[in-house]
PDB file of N, CA and C in Angstrom:
ATOM      1  N   MET A   1      74.941 110.808  92.622  1.00  0.00           N
ATOM      2  CA  MET A   1      75.199 110.388  91.265  1.00  0.00           C
ATOM      3  C   MET A   1      75.714 109.072  91.618  1.00  0.00           C
ATOM      4  N   SER A   2      75.227 107.512  90.686  1.00  0.00           N
ATOM      5  CA  SER A   2      76.140 106.702  91.155  1.00  0.00           C
ATOM      6  C   SER A   2      77.399 106.432  90.771  1.00  0.00           C
ATOM      7  N   TRP A   3      78.467 107.603  90.879  1.00  0.00           N
ATOM      8  CA  TRP A   3      79.758 107.125  90.465  1.00  0.00           C
ATOM      9  C   TRP A   3      80.445 108.578  90.787  1.00  0.00           C
ATOM     10  N   LYS A   4      81.750 108.276  91.313  1.00  0.00           N
ATOM     11  CA  LYS A   4      82.479 109.294  91.462  1.00  0.00           C
ATOM     12  C   LYS A   4      83.836 109.141  91.076  1.00  0.00           C
ATOM     13  N   HIS A   5      84.503 111.064  90.255  1.00  0.00           N
ATOM     14  CA  HIS A   5      85.701 110.423  89.890  1.00  0.00           C
ATOM     15  C   HIS A   5      86.982 111.122  90.356  1.00  0.00           C
ATOM     16  N   GLY A   6      87.732 110.798  90.733  1.00  0.00           N
ATOM     17  CA  GLY A   6      88.916 111.505  91.844  1.00  0.00           C
ATOM     18  C   GLY A   6      90.150 111.150  91.471  1.00  0.00           C
ATOM     19  N   ASN A   7      91.113 111.682  92.327  1.00  0.00           N
ATOM     20  CA  ASN A   7      92.928 111.574  91.925  1.00  0.00           C
ATOM     21  C   ASN A   7      93.183 111.490  93.465  1.00  0.00           C
ATOM     22  N   LEU A   8      93.987 110.205  93.544  1.00  0.00           N
ATOM     23  CA  LEU A   8      93.987 110.348  94.895  1.00  0.00           C
ATOM     24  C   LEU A   8      95.036 111.128  95.486  1.00  0.00           C
ATOM     25  N   ARG A   9      95.855 112.012  95.269  1.00  0.00           N
ATOM     26  CA  ARG A   9      96.709 113.098  95.395  1.00  0.00           C
ATOM     27  C   ARG A   9      95.855 114.139  95.468  1.00  0.00           C
ATOM     28  N   ASP A  10      94.548 114.117  95.125  1.00  0.00           N
ATOM     29  CA  ASP A  10      93.580 115.382  96.050  1.00  0.00           C
ATOM     30  C   ASP A  10      93.575 115.043  97.268  1.00  0.00           C
ATOM     31  N   SER A  11      93.589 113.771  97.989  1.00  0.00           N
ATOM     32  CA  SER A  11      92.795 113.903  99.337  1.00  0.00           C
ATOM     33  C   SER A  11      94.156 114.319  99.728  1.00  0.00           C
ATOM     34  N   GLU A  12      93.901 114.586 101.440  1.00  0.00           N
ATOM     35  CA  GLU A  12      94.975 114.926 102.127  1.00  0.00           C
ATOM     36  C   GLU A  12      96.110 113.896 102.797  1.00  0.00           C
ATOM     37  N   ASP A  13      97.172 114.592 102.651  1.00  0.00           N
ATOM     38  CA  ASP A  13      98.106 113.506 103.275  1.00  0.00           C
ATOM     39  C   ASP A  13      97.845 113.501 104.470  1.00  0.00           C
ATOM     40  N   LEU A  14      97.411 112.306 105.368  1.00  0.00           N
ATOM     41  CA  LEU A  14      97.262 112.350 106.680  1.00  0.00           C
ATOM     42  C   LEU A  14      98.565 112.715 107.401  1.00  0.00           C
ATOM     43  N   ALA A  15      99.430 111.528 106.711  1.00  0.00           N
ATOM     44  CA  ALA A  15     101.100 111.328 107.201  1.00  0.00           C
ATOM     45  C   ALA A  15     101.696 112.699 107.542  1.00  0.00           C
ATOM     46  N   ALA A  16     101.496 113.651 106.595  1.00  0.00           N
ATOM     47  CA  ALA A  16     101.806 114.608 107.189  1.00  0.00           C
ATOM     48  C   ALA A  16     101.156 116.127 108.180  1.00  0.00           C
ATOM     49  N   LYS A  17     100.188 115.377 108.021  1.00  0.00           N
ATOM     50  CA  LYS A  17      99.435 116.368 109.117  1.00  0.00           C
ATOM     51  C   LYS A  17      99.905 116.096 110.139  1.00  0.00           C
ATOM     52  N   TYR A  18      99.818 114.522 110.902  1.00  0.00           N
ATOM     53  CA  TYR A  18     100.182 114.040 112.073  1.00  0.00           C
ATOM     54  C   TYR A  18     101.967 114.302 112.128  1.00  0.00           C
ATOM     55  N   GLY A  19     102.533 114.552 111.423  1.00  0.00           N
ATOM     56  CA  GLY A  19     104.118 114.784 111.462  1.00  0.00           C
ATOM     57  C   GLY A  19     105.009 113.792 110.764  1.00  0.00           C
ATOM     58  N   TYR A  20     104.461 112.534 110.321  1.00  0.00           N
ATOM     59  CA  TYR A  20     105.000 111.559 109.538  1.00  0.00           C
ATOM     60  C   TYR A  20     105.288 111.762 108.249  1.00  0.00           C
ATOM     61  N   GLY A  21     105.386 112.800 107.697  1.00  0.00           N
ATOM     62  CA  GLY A  21     106.151 113.201 106.115  1.00  0.00           C
ATOM     63  C   GLY A  21     107.421 113.162 105.696  1.00  0.00           C
ATOM     64  N   ASP A  22     108.095 112.955 106.640  1.00  0.00           N
ATOM     65  CA  ASP A  22     109.762 112.521 106.498  1.00  0.00           C
ATOM     66  C   ASP A  22     109.755 111.168 106.067  1.00  0.00           C
ATOM     67  N   ILE A  23     108.640 110.249 106.697  1.00  0.00           N
ATOM     68  CA  ILE A  23     108.553 108.893 106.454  1.00  0.00           C
ATOM     69  C   ILE A  23     107.832 108.236 105.268  1.00  0.00           C
ATOM     70  N   GLN A  24     106.308 109.076 105.092  1.00  0.00           N
ATOM     71  CA  GLN A  24     105.534 108.448 104.430  1.00  0.00           C
ATOM     72  C   GLN A  24     104.755 109.383 103.985  1.00  0.00           C
ATOM     73  N   GLU A  25     103.631 109.069 102.592  1.00  0.00           N
ATOM     74  CA  GLU A  25     102.420 109.588 102.525  1.00  0.00           C
ATOM     75  C   GLU A  25     101.746 108.580 102.822  1.00  0.00           C
ATOM     76  N   ALA A  26     100.103 109.096 103.505  1.00  0.00           N
ATOM     77  CA  ALA A  26      99.333 108.289 103.582  1.00  0.00           C
ATOM     78  C   ALA A  26      97.876 109.247 103.065  1.00  0.00           C
ATOM     79  N   ARG A  27      97.205 108.813 102.240  1.00  0.00           N
ATOM     80  CA  ARG A  27      96.015 108.859 101.867  1.00  0.00           C
ATOM     81  C   ARG A  27      94.508 108.088 101.694  1.00  0.00           C
ATOM     82  N   PHE A  28      93.456 108.656 102.083  1.00  0.00           N
ATOM     83  CA  PHE A  28      92.607 107.688 102.190  1.00  0.00           C
ATOM     84  C   PHE A  28      91.574 108.793 101.394  1.00  0.00           C
ATOM     85  N   PRO A  29      91.233 108.615 100.415  1.00  0.00           N
ATOM     86  CA  PRO A  29      90.208 109.205  99.707  1.00  0.00           C
ATOM     87  C   PRO A  29      88.692 108.639  99.670  1.00  0.00           C
ATOM     88  N   ARG A  30      88.090 107.877 100.775  1.00  0.00           N
ATOM     89  CA  ARG A  30      87.095 107.540 101.136  1.00  0.00           C
ATOM     90  C   ARG A  30      85.978 108.983 100.906  1.00  0.00           C
ATOM     91  N   LYS A  31      85.922 109.843 101.519  1.00  0.00           N
ATOM     92  CA  LYS A  31      84.987 111.078 101.710  1.00  0.00           C
ATOM     93  C   LYS A  31      84.789 111.769 100.276  1.00  0.00           C
ATOM     94  N   GLU A  32      85.921 111.752  99.622  1.00  0.00           N
ATOM     95  CA  GLU A  32      86.443 112.609  98.295  1.00  0.00           C
ATOM     96  C   GLU A  32      85.443 111.540  97.081  1.00  0.00           C
ATOM     97  N   LEU A  33      85.820 110.371  97.308  1.00  0.00           N
ATOM     98  CA  LEU A  33      85.257 109.525  96.279  1.00  0.00           C
ATOM     99  C   LEU A  33      83.576 109.494  96.927  1.00  0.00           C
ATOM    100  N   GLY A  34      83.265 109.475  97.743  1.00  0.00           N
ATOM    101  CA  GLY A  34      81.567 109.060  98.250  1.00  0.00           C
ATOM    102  C   GLY A  34      81.511 107.655  98.035  1.00  0.00           C
ATOM    103  N   ALA A  35      82.692 107.377  98.997  1.00  0.00           N
ATOM    104  CA  ALA A  35      82.311 105.567  99.335  1.00  0.00           C
ATOM    105  C   ALA A  35      81.471 105.274 100.566  1.00  0.00           C
ATOM    106  N   GLU A  36      80.883 104.472 100.687  1.00  0.00           N
ATOM    107  CA  GLU A  36      79.486 104.547 102.050  1.00  0.00           C
ATOM    108  C   GLU A  36      80.415 103.259 102.397  1.00  0.00           C
ATOM    109  N   SER A  37      81.111 102.547 102.030  1.00  0.00           N
ATOM    110  CA  SER A  37      81.114 101.151 102.839  1.00  0.00           C
ATOM    111  C   SER A  37      82.813 100.596 102.382  1.00  0.00           C
ATOM    112  N   THR A  38      83.487 101.041 101.591  1.00  0.00           N
ATOM    113  CA  THR A  38      84.515 100.477 100.394  1.00  0.00           C
ATOM    114  C   THR A  38      85.941 101.465 101.241  1.00  0.00           C
ATOM    115  N   GLY A  39      86.648 100.891 102.055  1.00  0.00           N
ATOM    116  CA  GLY A  39      88.078 101.687 102.263  1.00  0.00           C
ATOM    117  C   GLY A  39      88.989 101.556 101.042  1.00  0.00           C
ATOM    118  N   LEU A  40      89.919 102.880 101.153  1.00  0.00           N
ATOM    119  CA  LEU A  40      90.985 102.361 100.327  1.00  0.00           C
ATOM    120  C   LEU A  40      91.954 103.658 100.549  1.00  0.00           C
ATOM    121  N   GLY A  41      93.022 103.109 100.278  1.00  0.00           N
ATOM    122  CA  GLY A  41      94.311 103.855 100.585  1.00  0.00           C
ATOM    123  C   GLY A  41      95.270 103.906 100.225  1.00  0.00           C
ATOM    124  N   TYR A  42      96.177 104.951  99.929  1.00  0.00           N
ATOM    125  CA  TYR A  42      97.312 105.190  99.176  1.00  0.00           C
ATOM    126  C   TYR A  42      98.608 105.161 100.406  1.00  0.00           C
ATOM    127  N   ILE A  43      99.278 104.781 100.524  1.00  0.00           N
ATOM    128  CA  ILE A  43     100.828 104.524 101.271  1.00  0.00           C
ATOM    129  C   ILE A  43     102.240 104.769 100.099  1.00  0.00           C
ATOM    130  N   ALA A  44     102.616 105.776 100.200  1.00  0.00           N
ATOM    131  CA  ALA A  44     104.536 105.825 100.007  1.00  0.00           C
ATOM    132  C   ALA A  44     105.294 105.830 100.836  1.00  0.00           C
ATOM    133  N   LEU A  45     105.945 104.790 100.817  1.00  0.00           N
ATOM    134  CA  LEU A  45     107.094 104.951 101.957  1.00  0.00           C
ATOM    135  C   LEU A  45     108.322 105.489 101.728  1.00  0.00           C
ATOM    136  N   ARG A  46     109.319 106.527 101.906  1.00  0.00           N
ATOM    137  CA  ARG A  46     110.579 106.508 101.327  1.00  0.00           C
ATOM    138  C   ARG A  46     111.063 105.841 101.726  1.00  0.00           C
ATOM    139  N   PRO A  47     111.992 106.155 100.464  1.00  0.00           N
ATOM    140  CA  PRO A  47     112.865 104.861 100.504  1.00  0.00           C
ATOM    141  C   PRO A  47     114.111 104.317 102.042  1.00  0.00           C
ATOM    142  N   GLY A  48     113.977 103.213 102.250  1.00  0.00           N
ATOM    143  CA  GLY A  48     114.609 102.866 103.760  1.00  0.00           C
ATOM    144  C   GLY A  48     114.002 103.234 104.886  1.00  0.00           C
ATOM    145  N   LYS A  49     112.686 103.851 104.700  1.00  0.00           N
ATOM    146  CA  LYS A  49     111.520 104.022 105.921  1.00  0.00           C
ATOM    147  C   LYS A  49     110.848 103.045 106.385  1.00  0.00           C
ATOM    148  N   ARG A  50     110.334 102.800 107.482  1.00  0.00           N
ATOM    149  CA  ARG A  50     109.745 102.133 108.109  1.00  0.00           C
ATOM    150  C   ARG A  50     108.069 102.451 108.684  1.00  0.00           C
ATOM    151  N   GLN A  51     107.111 101.892 108.726  1.00  0.00           N
ATOM    152  CA  GLN A  51     106.068 103.020 108.993  1.00  0.00           C
ATOM    153  C   GLN A  51     106.421 102.816 110.443  1.00  0.00           C
ATOM    154  N   PRO A  52     105.906 104.381 110.809  1.00  0.00           N
ATOM    155  CA  PRO A  52     106.202 104.558 112.300  1.00  0.00           C
ATOM    156  C   PRO A  52     105.339 104.090 113.092  1.00  0.00           C
ATOM    157  N   PHE A  53     104.611 103.171 113.285  1.00  0.00           N
ATOM    158  CA  PHE A  53     103.387 102.279 113.770  1.00  0.00           C
ATOM    159  C   PHE A  53     102.824 100.989 113.137  1.00  0.00           C
ATOM    160  N   ALA A  54     102.385  99.909 113.844  1.00  0.00           N
ATOM    161  CA  ALA A  54     101.481  98.684 113.051  1.00  0.00           C
ATOM    162  C   ALA A  54     100.218  99.009 113.328  1.00  0.00           C
ATOM    163  N   HIS A  55      99.989  98.620 112.653  1.00  0.00           N
ATOM    164  CA  HIS A  55      98.154  98.281 113.221  1.00  0.00           C
ATOM    165  C   HIS A  55      97.663  96.963 113.190  1.00  0.00           C
ATOM    166  N   ARG A  56      96.354  96.934 113.151  1.00  0.00           N
ATOM    167  CA  ARG A  56      95.981  95.597 113.360  1.00  0.00           C
ATOM    168  C   ARG A  56      93.953  95.918 113.393  1.00  0.00           C
ATOM    169  N   HIS A  57      93.311  95.103 112.832  1.00  0.00           N
ATOM    170  CA  HIS A  57      91.787  95.383 112.610  1.00  0.00           C
ATOM    171  C   HIS A  57      90.939  94.229 113.727  1.00  0.00           C
ATOM    172  N   GLU A  58      89.503  95.037 113.976  1.00  0.00           N
ATOM    173  CA  GLU A  58      88.892  94.046 114.922  1.00  0.00           C
ATOM    174  C   GLU A  58      87.891  93.365 113.760  1.00  0.00           C
ATOM    175  N   ALA A  59      87.227  93.842 112.450  1.00  0.00           N
ATOM    176  CA  ALA A  59      86.284  93.455 111.753  1.00  0.00           C
ATOM    177  C   ALA A  59      87.038  93.481 110.344  1.00  0.00           C
ATOM    178  N   ALA A  60      87.675  94.201 110.393  1.00  0.00           N
ATOM    179  CA  ALA A  60      87.794  94.680 108.085  1.00  0.00           C
ATOM    180  C   ALA A  60      89.135  93.806 108.309  1.00  0.00           C
ATOM    181  N   GLU A  61      89.330  92.684 106.866  1.00  0.00           N
ATOM    182  CA  GLU A  61      90.454  92.275 106.628  1.00  0.00           C
ATOM    183  C   GLU A  61      90.884  93.469 105.180  1.00  0.00           C
ATOM    184  N   GLU A  62      92.271  93.242 104.987  1.00  0.00           N
ATOM    185  CA  GLU A  62      92.509  93.861 103.876  1.00  0.00           C
ATOM    186  C   GLU A  62      93.522  93.630 102.837  1.00  0.00           C
ATOM    187  N   ILE A  63      93.525  93.869 101.571  1.00  0.00           N
ATOM    188  CA  ILE A  63      94.098  93.425 100.752  1.00  0.00           C
ATOM    189  C   ILE A  63      95.851  94.831 100.422  1.00  0.00           C
ATOM    190  N   TYR A  64      96.576  94.302 100.016  1.00  0.00           N
ATOM    191  CA  TYR A  64      97.601  95.393  99.866  1.00  0.00           C
ATOM    192  C   TYR A  64      98.044  95.130  98.598  1.00  0.00           C
ATOM    193  N   VAL A  65      98.127  96.024  97.691  1.00  0.00           N
ATOM    194  CA  VAL A  65      98.478  95.733  96.086  1.00  0.00           C
ATOM    195  C   VAL A  65      99.772  96.617  95.965  1.00  0.00           C
ATOM    196  N   ILE A  66     101.301  95.720  96.191  1.00  0.00           N
ATOM    197  CA  ILE A  66     102.647  96.788  95.454  1.00  0.00           C
ATOM    198  C   ILE A  66     102.615  97.520  94.236  1.00  0.00           C
ATOM    199  N   LEU A  67     102.695  99.039  94.071  1.00  0.00           N
ATOM    200  CA  LEU A  67     102.472  99.598  92.836  1.00  0.00           C
ATOM    201  C   LEU A  67     103.794  99.501  92.235  1.00  0.00           C
ATOM    202  N   SER A  68     104.881  99.680  93.251  1.00  0.00           N
ATOM    203  CA  SER A  68     106.121  99.899  93.261  1.00  0.00           C
ATOM    204  C   SER A  68     106.999 100.245  93.979  1.00  0.00           C
ATOM    205  N   GLY A  69     108.536  99.487  93.659  1.00  0.00           N
ATOM    206  CA  GLY A  69     109.676  99.724  94.542  1.00  0.00           C
ATOM    207  C   GLY A  69     109.435  98.454  95.024  1.00  0.00           C
ATOM    208  N   ASP A  70     109.824  97.903  96.391  1.00  0.00           N
ATOM    209  CA  ASP A  70     109.959  96.436  96.881  1.00  0.00           C
ATOM    210  C   ASP A  70     110.083  97.167  98.617  1.00  0.00           C
ATOM    211  N   GLY A  71     110.124  95.950  99.136  1.00  0.00           N
ATOM    212  CA  GLY A  71     110.353  95.989 100.913  1.00  0.00           C
ATOM    213  C   GLY A  71     109.972  94.965 101.277  1.00  0.00           C
ATOM    214  N   ARG A  72     109.516  95.192 102.814  1.00  0.00           N
ATOM    215  CA  ARG A  72     108.596  94.332 103.647  1.00  0.00           C
ATOM    216  C   ARG A  72     107.663  94.415 104.261  1.00  0.00           C
ATOM    217  N   LEU A  73     107.231  93.716 104.980  1.00  0.00           N
ATOM    218  CA  LEU A  73     105.730  93.430 105.405  1.00  0.00           C
ATOM    219  C   LEU A  73     105.725  92.467 106.504  1.00  0.00           C
ATOM    220  N   LYS A  74     105.712  93.427 108.040  1.00  0.00           N
ATOM    221  CA  LYS A  74     105.943  92.466 108.697  1.00  0.00           C
ATOM    222  C   LYS A  74     104.435  92.271 109.471  1.00  0.00           C
ATOM    223  N   LEU A  75     104.523  90.415 109.075  1.00  0.00           N
ATOM    224  CA  LEU A  75     102.950  90.544 109.938  1.00  0.00           C
ATOM    225  C   LEU A  75     103.051  89.242 111.053  1.00  0.00           C
ATOM    226  N   ASP A  76     102.551  89.494 111.922  1.00  0.00           N
ATOM    227  CA  ASP A  76     103.096  89.114 113.164  1.00  0.00           C
ATOM    228  C   ASP A  76     104.313  88.949 113.439  1.00  0.00           C
ATOM    229  N   ASP A  77     104.885  87.751 113.738  1.00  0.00           N
ATOM    230  CA  ASP A  77     106.095  87.700 113.816  1.00  0.00           C
ATOM    231  C   ASP A  77     106.761  86.937 112.446  1.00  0.00           C
ATOM    232  N   GLU A  78     105.589  87.059 111.530  1.00  0.00           N
ATOM    233  CA  GLU A  78     106.348  86.531 109.765  1.00  0.00           C
ATOM    234  C   GLU A  78     106.553  87.718 109.371  1.00  0.00           C
ATOM    235  N   ILE A  79     108.144  87.726 108.179  1.00  0.00           N
ATOM    236  CA  ILE A  79     108.305  89.120 107.283  1.00  0.00           C
ATOM    237  C   ILE A  79     108.507  88.197 106.358  1.00  0.00           C
ATOM    238  N   LEU A  80     108.042  89.162 105.540  1.00  0.00           N
ATOM    239  CA  LEU A  80     107.222  88.957 103.948  1.00  0.00           C
ATOM    240  C   LEU A  80     108.193  90.092 103.209  1.00  0.00           C
ATOM    241  N   GLU A  81     108.936  89.336 102.127  1.00  0.00           N
ATOM    242  CA  GLU A  81     109.590  90.372 101.111  1.00  0.00           C
ATOM    243  C   GLU A  81     108.481  90.423  99.804  1.00  0.00           C
ATOM    244  N   VAL A  82     108.132  91.995  99.345  1.00  0.00           N
ATOM    245  CA  VAL A  82     107.357  92.273  98.586  1.00  0.00           C
ATOM    246  C   VAL A  82     107.422  93.225  97.827  1.00  0.00           C
ATOM    247  N   GLY A  83     107.174  92.733  96.856  1.00  0.00           N
ATOM    248  CA  GLY A  83     107.462  93.834  95.534  1.00  0.00           C
ATOM    249  C   GLY A  83     106.154  94.098  94.270  1.00  0.00           C
ATOM    250  N   PRO A  84     106.945  95.213  93.153  1.00  0.00           N
ATOM    251  CA  PRO A  84     105.870  95.521  92.075  1.00  0.00           C
ATOM    252  C   PRO A  84     104.435  94.227  92.004  1.00  0.00           C
ATOM    253  N   MET A  85     103.622  94.359  92.085  1.00  0.00           N
ATOM    254  CA  MET A  85     102.174  93.304  91.184  1.00  0.00           C
ATOM    255  C   MET A  85     101.687  92.632  92.520  1.00  0.00           C
ATOM    256  N   ASP A  86     102.342  92.654  93.854  1.00  0.00           N
ATOM    257  CA  ASP A  86     102.265  91.629  95.042  1.00  0.00           C
ATOM    258  C   ASP A  86     101.421  91.927  95.313  1.00  0.00           C
ATOM    259  N   ALA A  87     100.363  91.356  96.122  1.00  0.00           N
ATOM    260  CA  ALA A  87      98.805  91.302  96.756  1.00  0.00           C
ATOM    261  C   ALA A  87      99.167  90.544  97.913  1.00  0.00           C
ATOM    262  N   VAL A  88      98.660  91.201  99.177  1.00  0.00           N
ATOM    263  CA  VAL A  88      98.592  90.256 100.071  1.00  0.00           C
ATOM    264  C   VAL A  88      97.271  90.724 100.586  1.00  0.00           C
ATOM    265  N   ARG A  89      96.510  89.321 100.874  1.00  0.00           N
ATOM    266  CA  ARG A  89      95.191  89.597 101.814  1.00  0.00           C
ATOM    267  C   ARG A  89      96.133  89.709 103.725  1.00  0.00           C
ATOM    268  N   VAL A  90      95.180  90.260 103.933  1.00  0.00           N
ATOM    269  CA  VAL A  90      95.420  89.893 105.434  1.00  0.00           C
ATOM    270  C   VAL A  90      94.520  90.415 106.650  1.00  0.00           C
ATOM    271  N   ALA A  91      94.613  89.038 107.188  1.00  0.00           N
ATOM    272  CA  ALA A  91      93.071  88.816 108.090  1.00  0.00           C
ATOM    273  C   ALA A  91      92.797  90.129 109.471  1.00  0.00           C
ATOM    274  N   PRO A  92      91.852  90.163 109.581  1.00  0.00           N
ATOM    275  CA  PRO A  92      92.054  91.503 110.673  1.00  0.00           C
ATOM    276  C   PRO A  92      92.414  91.851 111.612  1.00  0.00           C
ATOM    277  N   GLU A  93      92.637  90.440 112.820  1.00  0.00           N
ATOM    278  CA  GLU A  93      93.256  90.400 113.721  1.00  0.00           C
ATOM    279  C   GLU A  93      95.097  90.539 113.489  1.00  0.00           C
ATOM    280  N   VAL A  94      95.597  90.003 112.065  1.00  0.00           N
ATOM    281  CA  VAL A  94      97.315  90.187 112.235  1.00  0.00           C
ATOM    282  C   VAL A  94      97.633  91.277 111.863  1.00  0.00           C
ATOM    283  N   THR A  95      98.380  91.882 113.155  1.00  0.00           N
ATOM    284  CA  THR A  95      99.333  93.118 113.168  1.00  0.00           C
ATOM    285  C   THR A  95     100.478  93.204 112.086  1.00  0.00           C
ATOM    286  N   ARG A  96     100.397  94.742 111.121  1.00  0.00           N
ATOM    287  CA  ARG A  96     101.006  94.802 110.082  1.00  0.00           C
ATOM    288  C   ARG A  96     102.148  95.790 110.135  1.00  0.00           C
ATOM    289  N   ALA A  97     102.333  95.941 109.200  1.00  0.00           N
ATOM    290  CA  ALA A  97     103.502  97.357 108.766  1.00  0.00           C
ATOM    291  C   ALA A  97     104.511  97.064 107.779  1.00  0.00           C
ATOM    292  N   PHE A  98     104.315  97.917 107.333  1.00  0.00           N
ATOM    293  CA  PHE A  98     105.764  97.832 106.133  1.00  0.00           C
ATOM    294  C   PHE A  98     107.076  98.535 106.044  1.00  0.00           C
ATOM    295  N   GLU A  99     108.358  98.083 105.468  1.00  0.00           N
ATOM    296  CA  GLU A  99     109.365  98.719 105.546  1.00  0.00           C
ATOM    297  C   GLU A  99     110.076  98.954 104.509  1.00  0.00           C
ATOM    298  N   ALA A 100     109.924  99.813 103.559  1.00  0.00           N
ATOM    299  CA  ALA A 100     110.584 100.207 102.205  1.00  0.00           C
ATOM    300  C   ALA A 100     111.975  99.843 101.847  1.00  0.00           C
ATOM    301  N   GLY A 101     112.280  99.614 100.680  1.00  0.00           N
ATOM    302  CA  GLY A 101     113.345  99.162 100.417  1.00  0.00           C
ATOM    303  C   GLY A 101     114.226 100.310  99.705  1.00  0.00           C
ATOM    304  N   GLU A 102     115.360 100.111  99.137  1.00  0.00           N
ATOM    305  CA  GLU A 102     115.585 101.091  98.465  1.00  0.00           C
ATOM    306  C   GLU A 102     115.358 102.411  98.109  1.00  0.00           C
ATOM    307  N   GLU A 103     114.572 101.968  96.990  1.00  0.00           N
ATOM    308  CA  GLU A 103     113.754 102.630  96.103  1.00  0.00           C
ATOM    309  C   GLU A 103     112.106 103.304  96.370  1.00  0.00           C
ATOM    310  N   GLY A 104     112.212 103.342  97.763  1.00  0.00           N
ATOM    311  CA  GLY A 104     111.019 103.329  98.561  1.00  0.00           C
ATOM    312  C   GLY A 104     109.097 102.101  97.845  1.00  0.00           C
ATOM    313  N   LEU A 105     108.529 102.327  98.003  1.00  0.00           N
ATOM    314  CA  LEU A 105     107.501 101.594  98.156  1.00  0.00           C
ATOM    315  C   LEU A 105     106.223 102.456  98.320  1.00  0.00           C
ATOM    316  N   GLU A 106     105.348 101.788  97.159  1.00  0.00           N
ATOM    317  CA  GLU A 106     104.257 102.146  96.861  1.00  0.00           C
ATOM    318  C   GLU A 106     103.218 101.296  96.998  1.00  0.00           C
ATOM    319  N   ILE A 107     102.362 101.670  97.938  1.00  0.00           N
ATOM    320  CA  ILE A 107     100.441 100.574  98.329  1.00  0.00           C
ATOM    321  C   ILE A 107      99.402 101.337  97.898  1.00  0.00           C
ATOM    322  N   LEU A 108      98.745 100.230  97.419  1.00  0.00           N
ATOM    323  CA  LEU A 108      97.271 100.653  97.419  1.00  0.00           C
ATOM    324  C   LEU A 108      96.948  99.415  98.405  1.00  0.00           C
ATOM    325  N   VAL A 109      96.001 100.413  99.442  1.00  0.00           N
ATOM    326  CA  VAL A 109      95.252  99.728 100.396  1.00  0.00           C
ATOM    327  C   VAL A 109      93.992  99.235 100.005  1.00  0.00           C
ATOM    328  N   PHE A 110      92.958  98.394  99.881  1.00  0.00           N
ATOM    329  CA  PHE A 110      91.441  98.094  99.465  1.00  0.00           C
ATOM    330  C   PHE A 110      90.783  97.193 101.180  1.00  0.00           C
ATOM    331  N   GLY A 111      90.060  97.471 101.373  1.00  0.00           N
ATOM    332  CA  GLY A 111      89.032  96.729 102.510  1.00  0.00           C
ATOM    333  C   GLY A 111      87.637  97.456 103.049  1.00  0.00           C
ATOM    334  N   PRO A 112      86.839  96.584 103.789  1.00  0.00           N
ATOM    335  CA  PRO A 112      85.896  97.005 104.064  1.00  0.00           C
ATOM    336  C   PRO A 112      85.896  98.567 105.072  1.00  0.00           C
ATOM    337  N   ARG A 113      85.297  99.446 105.049  1.00  0.00           N
ATOM    338  CA  ARG A 113      85.173 100.491 105.637  1.00  0.00           C
ATOM    339  C   ARG A 113      84.465 100.190 107.570  1.00  0.00           C
ATOM    340  N   HIS A 114      85.110  99.896 108.497  1.00  0.00           N
ATOM    341  CA  HIS A 114      84.485 100.205 109.779  1.00  0.00           C
ATOM    342  C   HIS A 114      84.762 101.178 110.737  1.00  0.00           C
ATOM    343  N   ALA A 115      83.653 102.007 110.915  1.00  0.00           N
ATOM    344  CA  ALA A 115      84.572 103.223 111.632  1.00  0.00           C
ATOM    345  C   ALA A 115      85.097 102.740 112.646  1.00  0.00           C
ATOM    346  N   GLY A 116      86.516 103.321 113.365  1.00  0.00           N
ATOM    347  CA  GLY A 116      87.174 103.094 115.061  1.00  0.00           C
ATOM    348  C   GLY A 116      87.109 101.643 114.820  1.00  0.00           C
ATOM    349  N   ASP A 117      87.205 100.484 113.838  1.00  0.00           N
ATOM    350  CA  ASP A 117      87.934  99.152 113.488  1.00  0.00           C
ATOM    351  C   ASP A 117      89.216  99.112 114.275  1.00  0.00           C
ATOM    352  N   ALA A 118      90.041 100.194 113.576  1.00  0.00           N
ATOM    353  CA  ALA A 118      91.662 100.349 113.553  1.00  0.00           C
ATOM    354  C   ALA A 118      92.272 100.325 114.995  1.00  0.00           C
ATOM    355  N   GLU A 119      93.047  99.899 115.174  1.00  0.00           N
ATOM    356  CA  GLU A 119      94.193  99.448 116.745  1.00  0.00           C
ATOM    357  C   GLU A 119      95.177  99.659 116.192  1.00  0.00           C
ATOM    358  N   THR A 120      96.128 100.591 116.906  1.00  0.00           N
ATOM    359  CA  THR A 120      97.315 100.901 116.941  1.00  0.00           C
ATOM    360  C   THR A 120      98.432 100.246 117.687  1.00  0.00           C
ATOM    361  N   VAL A 121      99.584  99.727 116.955  1.00  0.00           N
ATOM    362  CA  VAL A 121     100.552  98.893 117.775  1.00  0.00           C
ATOM    363  C   VAL A 121     101.857  99.428 117.860  1.00  0.00           C
ATOM    364  N   GLN A 122     102.758  99.770 118.721  1.00  0.00           N
ATOM    365  CA  GLN A 122     103.443 100.891 118.251  1.00  0.00           C
ATOM    366  C   GLN A 122     104.846 100.228 119.145  1.00  0.00           C
ATOM    367  N   ASP A 123     105.899 100.428 118.773  1.00  0.00           N
ATOM    368  CA  ASP A 123     107.322  98.893 118.987  1.00  0.00           C
ATOM    369  C   ASP A 123     107.230  97.895 118.339  1.00  0.00           C
ATOM    370  N   PHE A 124     106.344  98.085 116.663  1.00  0.00           N
ATOM    371  CA  PHE A 124     106.107  96.427 116.140  1.00  0.00           C
ATOM    372  C   PHE A 124     107.726  95.557 115.860  1.00  0.00           C
ATOM    373  N   TRP A 125     108.390  96.730 114.851  1.00  0.00           N
ATOM    374  CA  TRP A 125     109.609  96.318 114.746  1.00  0.00           C
ATOM    375  C   TRP A 125     110.477  95.966 115.549  1.00  0.00           C
TER     376      TRP A 125
END
């Protein structure tokens, strides 16, 4: 089939699976949508929470679109305030992590899929 329809809520919440459900939701429906080279993510940070770790990539740039809420995005040593409908492109090598404001933060993430490309960074904030 040349197209596939799905709902983001139908993909597994990996944050809950790995013990971070009290901080955020993290869903990556690539397989459910049959995507071969495009990565898509849905992140929903609970009010006042920070992501439990940051990450960066070797080759994949990402674009983050804020759907609702507000908060901050830490990019290496800079902090950017973000809100609804903001879009931020991040180069692969930039370490990044979000922090939600009082209303939480809903984010869509887009980028190319490169297996094994991500590196996690602990104690980033």
